[in-house]
Protein backbone atom coordinates (compact mmCIF):
# COMPACT_ATOMS: atom_id res chain seq x y z
CA MET A 1 94.33 70.42 59.52
CA GLY A 2 94.62 67.54 61.97
CA PHE A 3 97.48 69.06 64.01
CA ASP A 4 96.15 67.64 67.29
CA ARG A 5 96.04 64.15 65.84
CA LEU A 6 99.44 64.56 64.23
CA CYS A 7 101.19 65.98 67.28
CA GLY A 8 99.51 63.51 69.63
CA GLN A 9 101.01 60.58 67.75
CA SER A 10 104.43 61.94 66.93
CA HIS A 11 107.77 62.61 68.52
CA GLN A 12 110.23 65.48 68.50
CA ASN A 13 113.48 65.29 66.53
CA GLY A 14 115.67 68.36 66.88
CA GLY A 15 112.63 70.59 67.43
CA VAL A 16 110.78 69.21 64.38
CA THR A 17 107.61 67.18 64.77
CA VAL A 18 108.04 63.85 62.99
CA PRO A 19 105.12 61.44 62.40
CA HIS A 20 105.43 57.86 63.60
CA ASP A 21 106.19 55.36 60.84
CA ASP A 22 102.96 53.47 61.48
CA GLN A 23 100.67 56.52 61.38
CA TRP A 24 100.91 57.24 57.65
CA ASP A 25 101.48 55.07 54.61
CA VAL A 26 102.76 57.97 52.48
CA LEU A 27 104.29 61.38 53.18
CA VAL A 28 103.98 63.75 50.21
CA ILE A 29 106.51 66.58 50.26
CA GLY A 30 105.03 69.85 48.99
CA ALA A 31 101.40 71.00 48.82
CA GLY A 32 101.54 72.21 45.23
CA LEU A 33 99.37 71.10 42.31
CA ASN A 34 101.22 67.83 41.71
CA GLY A 35 101.65 66.95 45.38
CA MET A 36 98.02 67.49 46.32
CA THR A 37 96.71 65.77 43.18
CA LEU A 38 98.92 62.77 43.99
CA ALA A 39 97.72 62.76 47.59
CA ASN A 40 94.09 62.68 46.49
CA TYR A 41 94.65 59.67 44.24
CA LEU A 42 96.60 57.85 46.95
CA LEU A 43 93.73 58.46 49.37
CA ARG A 44 91.30 57.06 46.80
CA ALA A 45 93.50 53.95 46.70
CA GLY A 46 92.95 53.48 50.43
CA LEU A 47 96.30 54.74 51.73
CA ARG A 48 96.83 57.02 54.73
CA VAL A 49 98.42 60.22 53.43
CA LEU A 50 100.01 63.29 54.96
CA VAL A 51 101.10 66.23 52.78
CA LEU A 52 103.91 68.35 54.21
CA GLU A 53 104.35 72.01 53.19
CA ARG A 54 106.90 74.49 54.58
CA ARG A 55 104.78 77.55 53.77
CA LEU A 56 101.75 78.57 55.81
CA GLU A 57 99.57 78.21 52.73
CA SER A 58 99.00 75.40 50.28
CA GLY A 59 99.16 75.74 46.51
CA GLY A 60 102.77 76.30 45.50
CA GLY A 61 102.54 77.81 42.02
CA LEU A 62 98.75 77.95 42.29
CA ALA A 63 99.02 81.47 43.65
CA THR A 64 96.45 84.27 43.35
CA GLU A 65 97.72 87.42 45.03
CA GLU A 66 97.52 91.22 45.14
CA PRO A 67 101.05 92.19 44.00
CA ILE A 68 100.19 95.51 42.35
CA VAL A 69 97.04 97.15 43.72
CA THR A 70 94.99 96.11 46.73
CA GLY A 71 91.79 94.51 45.52
CA TYR A 72 93.25 93.56 42.11
CA TRP A 73 93.93 89.84 42.18
CA ALA A 74 96.37 88.26 39.73
CA ASN A 75 97.62 84.73 39.17
CA THR A 76 101.32 85.12 39.93
CA GLY A 77 102.24 81.51 39.30
CA HIS A 78 100.47 78.75 37.39
CA TYR A 79 97.53 80.37 35.62
CA VAL A 80 96.59 78.38 32.51
CA PHE A 81 95.60 74.72 32.02
CA ASP A 82 95.38 73.33 28.48
CA THR A 83 95.39 69.57 29.10
CA LEU A 84 92.33 69.10 31.32
CA ASP A 85 90.75 66.80 28.74
CA LEU A 86 93.93 64.69 28.62
CA PHE A 87 94.40 64.50 32.40
CA PRO A 88 90.85 64.69 33.80
CA PHE A 89 91.69 65.00 37.49
CA HIS A 90 89.09 67.76 37.82
CA ASP A 91 86.24 65.35 37.08
CA GLU A 92 87.73 62.27 38.73
CA LEU A 93 88.35 64.07 42.03
CA ALA A 94 84.91 65.76 41.88
CA LEU A 95 86.45 69.19 42.32
CA ARG A 96 83.24 70.90 41.19
CA GLU A 97 81.81 69.82 44.52
CA VAL A 98 84.41 71.98 46.28
CA ASN A 99 83.79 75.05 44.09
CA VAL A 100 86.50 74.59 41.44
CA ARG A 101 85.28 75.87 38.05
CA PHE A 102 87.19 76.44 34.82
CA ALA A 103 86.52 79.02 32.09
CA HIS A 104 87.44 78.46 28.43
CA PRO A 105 88.05 81.98 27.03
CA GLU A 106 87.16 82.76 23.43
CA VAL A 107 90.53 84.51 22.95
CA GLN A 108 93.35 82.23 24.04
CA SER A 109 96.42 84.34 23.28
CA ALA A 110 97.38 87.29 21.11
CA LEU A 111 100.47 88.97 19.71
CA LEU A 112 100.22 92.75 19.29
CA LEU A 113 102.63 94.12 16.69
CA ALA A 114 104.07 97.61 16.44
CA ASP A 115 102.45 98.14 13.02
CA GLY A 116 98.97 97.72 14.52
CA ARG A 117 98.33 94.18 13.34
CA THR A 118 97.26 91.48 15.78
CA LEU A 119 97.71 87.72 15.58
CA VAL A 120 95.10 85.94 17.71
CA ILE A 121 94.69 82.33 18.76
CA TYR A 122 91.03 81.61 19.39
CA ARG A 123 89.12 78.78 21.02
CA GLU A 124 87.64 78.02 17.59
CA LEU A 125 90.13 76.62 15.09
CA THR A 126 88.44 78.28 12.11
CA ARG A 127 88.93 81.77 13.54
CA THR A 128 92.54 80.96 14.42
CA ARG A 129 93.24 79.87 10.83
CA GLU A 130 91.71 83.10 9.52
CA SER A 131 93.92 85.17 11.83
CA ILE A 132 97.05 83.25 10.79
CA ALA A 133 96.13 83.46 7.10
CA ALA A 134 96.31 87.26 7.33
CA PHE A 135 100.03 86.78 8.00
CA SER A 136 100.68 83.66 5.90
CA ARG A 137 98.27 81.37 4.07
CA ARG A 138 100.92 78.67 4.03
CA ASP A 139 101.26 78.91 7.80
CA ALA A 140 97.47 78.64 8.17
CA ASP A 141 97.56 75.33 6.25
CA THR A 142 100.54 74.13 8.28
CA TRP A 143 98.74 75.01 11.50
CA LEU A 144 95.76 72.87 10.48
CA ARG A 145 97.99 69.92 9.58
CA LEU A 146 99.82 70.04 12.90
CA HIS A 147 96.61 70.62 14.86
CA ASP A 148 94.84 67.63 13.35
CA GLY A 149 97.69 65.24 14.13
CA SER A 150 98.27 64.39 10.47
CA ALA A 151 101.92 65.36 10.74
CA ASP A 152 103.77 62.15 11.66
CA SER A 153 106.46 62.93 9.10
CA ASP A 154 106.81 66.41 10.61
CA LEU A 155 107.18 64.94 14.10
CA ALA A 156 109.96 62.56 13.04
CA ARG A 157 111.79 65.39 11.31
CA LEU A 158 111.35 67.92 14.11
CA THR A 159 112.17 65.69 17.10
CA PRO A 160 115.98 66.17 17.12
CA MET A 161 115.70 69.94 16.58
CA SER A 162 115.38 72.72 19.11
CA ALA A 163 111.99 74.42 19.30
CA ARG A 164 113.42 77.49 17.60
CA GLU A 165 114.79 75.40 14.74
CA ALA A 166 111.49 73.55 14.43
CA VAL A 167 109.34 76.68 14.09
CA ASP A 168 111.82 78.03 11.53
CA GLU A 169 111.42 74.76 9.65
CA VAL A 170 107.62 74.65 9.47
CA PHE A 171 106.45 78.29 9.62
CA GLU A 172 107.39 81.35 7.58
CA SER A 173 105.77 84.22 9.53
CA GLU A 174 107.87 85.58 12.39
CA ALA A 175 104.67 86.50 14.23
CA VAL A 176 103.37 82.92 14.05
CA LYS A 177 106.74 81.57 15.16
CA SER A 178 106.77 83.89 18.17
CA LEU A 179 103.31 82.89 19.32
CA VAL A 180 104.06 79.16 19.00
CA LEU A 181 107.19 79.61 21.10
CA HIS A 182 105.10 81.43 23.68
CA HIS A 183 102.79 78.42 23.93
CA LEU A 184 105.83 76.22 24.51
CA LEU A 185 107.11 78.42 27.31
CA ILE A 186 103.73 78.88 29.01
CA PRO A 187 102.58 76.67 30.60
CA ARG A 188 105.26 74.05 29.79
CA GLY A 189 108.46 75.96 30.51
CA ILE A 190 110.14 74.50 27.41
CA ALA A 191 113.29 76.43 26.50
CA PHE A 192 113.59 77.51 22.88
CA ASP A 193 117.13 76.39 22.18
CA ASP A 194 117.38 72.99 23.87
CA PRO A 195 117.98 70.12 21.42
CA GLY A 196 115.07 67.69 21.19
CA THR A 197 112.37 70.23 22.06
CA GLY A 198 111.24 70.48 18.43
CA ARG A 199 108.95 67.49 19.00
CA PHE A 200 106.76 69.65 21.25
CA VAL A 201 105.89 72.14 18.48
CA PRO A 202 103.01 70.03 17.02
CA PHE A 203 101.69 69.44 20.55
CA ALA A 204 101.76 73.18 21.34
CA VAL A 205 99.83 73.91 18.16
CA ALA A 206 97.26 71.20 18.93
CA ARG A 207 96.66 72.54 22.46
CA ALA A 208 96.85 76.27 21.65
CA GLY A 209 93.07 76.69 21.72
CA GLU A 210 92.43 74.53 24.80
CA ALA A 211 93.61 76.78 27.63
CA ARG A 212 91.34 77.03 30.67
CA LEU A 213 91.51 79.48 33.55
CA VAL A 214 90.37 78.73 37.08
CA GLN A 215 87.42 80.93 37.92
CA GLU A 216 88.13 83.13 40.96
CA GLY A 217 91.87 82.57 40.45
CA SER A 218 94.30 79.64 40.41
CA HIS A 219 94.40 79.46 44.21
CA GLU A 220 90.79 78.22 44.12
CA LEU A 221 92.18 75.00 42.63
CA ALA A 222 94.66 74.75 45.51
CA GLN A 223 91.85 75.22 48.01
CA GLY A 224 89.75 72.62 46.22
CA LEU A 225 92.50 70.00 46.22
CA TRP A 226 93.25 70.76 49.88
CA THR A 227 89.58 70.41 50.82
CA ALA A 228 89.29 67.14 48.89
CA ILE A 229 92.25 65.73 50.82
CA LEU A 230 90.65 66.59 54.15
CA LYS A 231 87.29 65.16 53.07
CA ALA A 232 89.01 61.91 52.12
CA GLY A 233 90.64 61.61 55.54
CA GLY A 234 94.13 62.89 54.74
CA ASP A 235 96.02 65.80 56.27
CA VAL A 236 98.01 68.79 55.01
């Protein structure tokens, strides 16, 4: 990780090793997804970059751990990516070359009801519409309109609302409403009752079938970003 080079050109300040000002152009605080992605792009721009992380392991929310049973690995932090086609860092940073692969599951999410019915969001829009139509044909048509981006009037109307108010406005099935709110919370962390979050409802619908999972676990992405930084001459 370049500790010899770092420590050989640094000084001590209260017991903490501090890099010289002229050794690095940029210090990135935190070796999570955003920090390491930023560091990679800065390195591509020709800057000298050091990423600082207080933990002994990089990744932040990109955590794959054994919290329940030894040998059973689970993503305990960030586990789903549904905007890879909008923010193509995976291709631009050549992460396939460092063993980062994504899977696009056929079943994206599901809501299991006490009466035995199941609402499923699939990778294929047609199957998703069929599943929603079993609960509400009107909601299936609304889903298609929001998904295709032909809902500018909906967006203007929904923008000042909370997400909960917005789903009440456009959908009639409680099951459909619940699953849309789920897609707002994960992976975006959008609270249901905050004013102004209604504008994200069409976006959540449009991205609901686009979720990817990192093969071998989310921490593989952390390892890939970390490796790419080292290959480009940076340090973590």
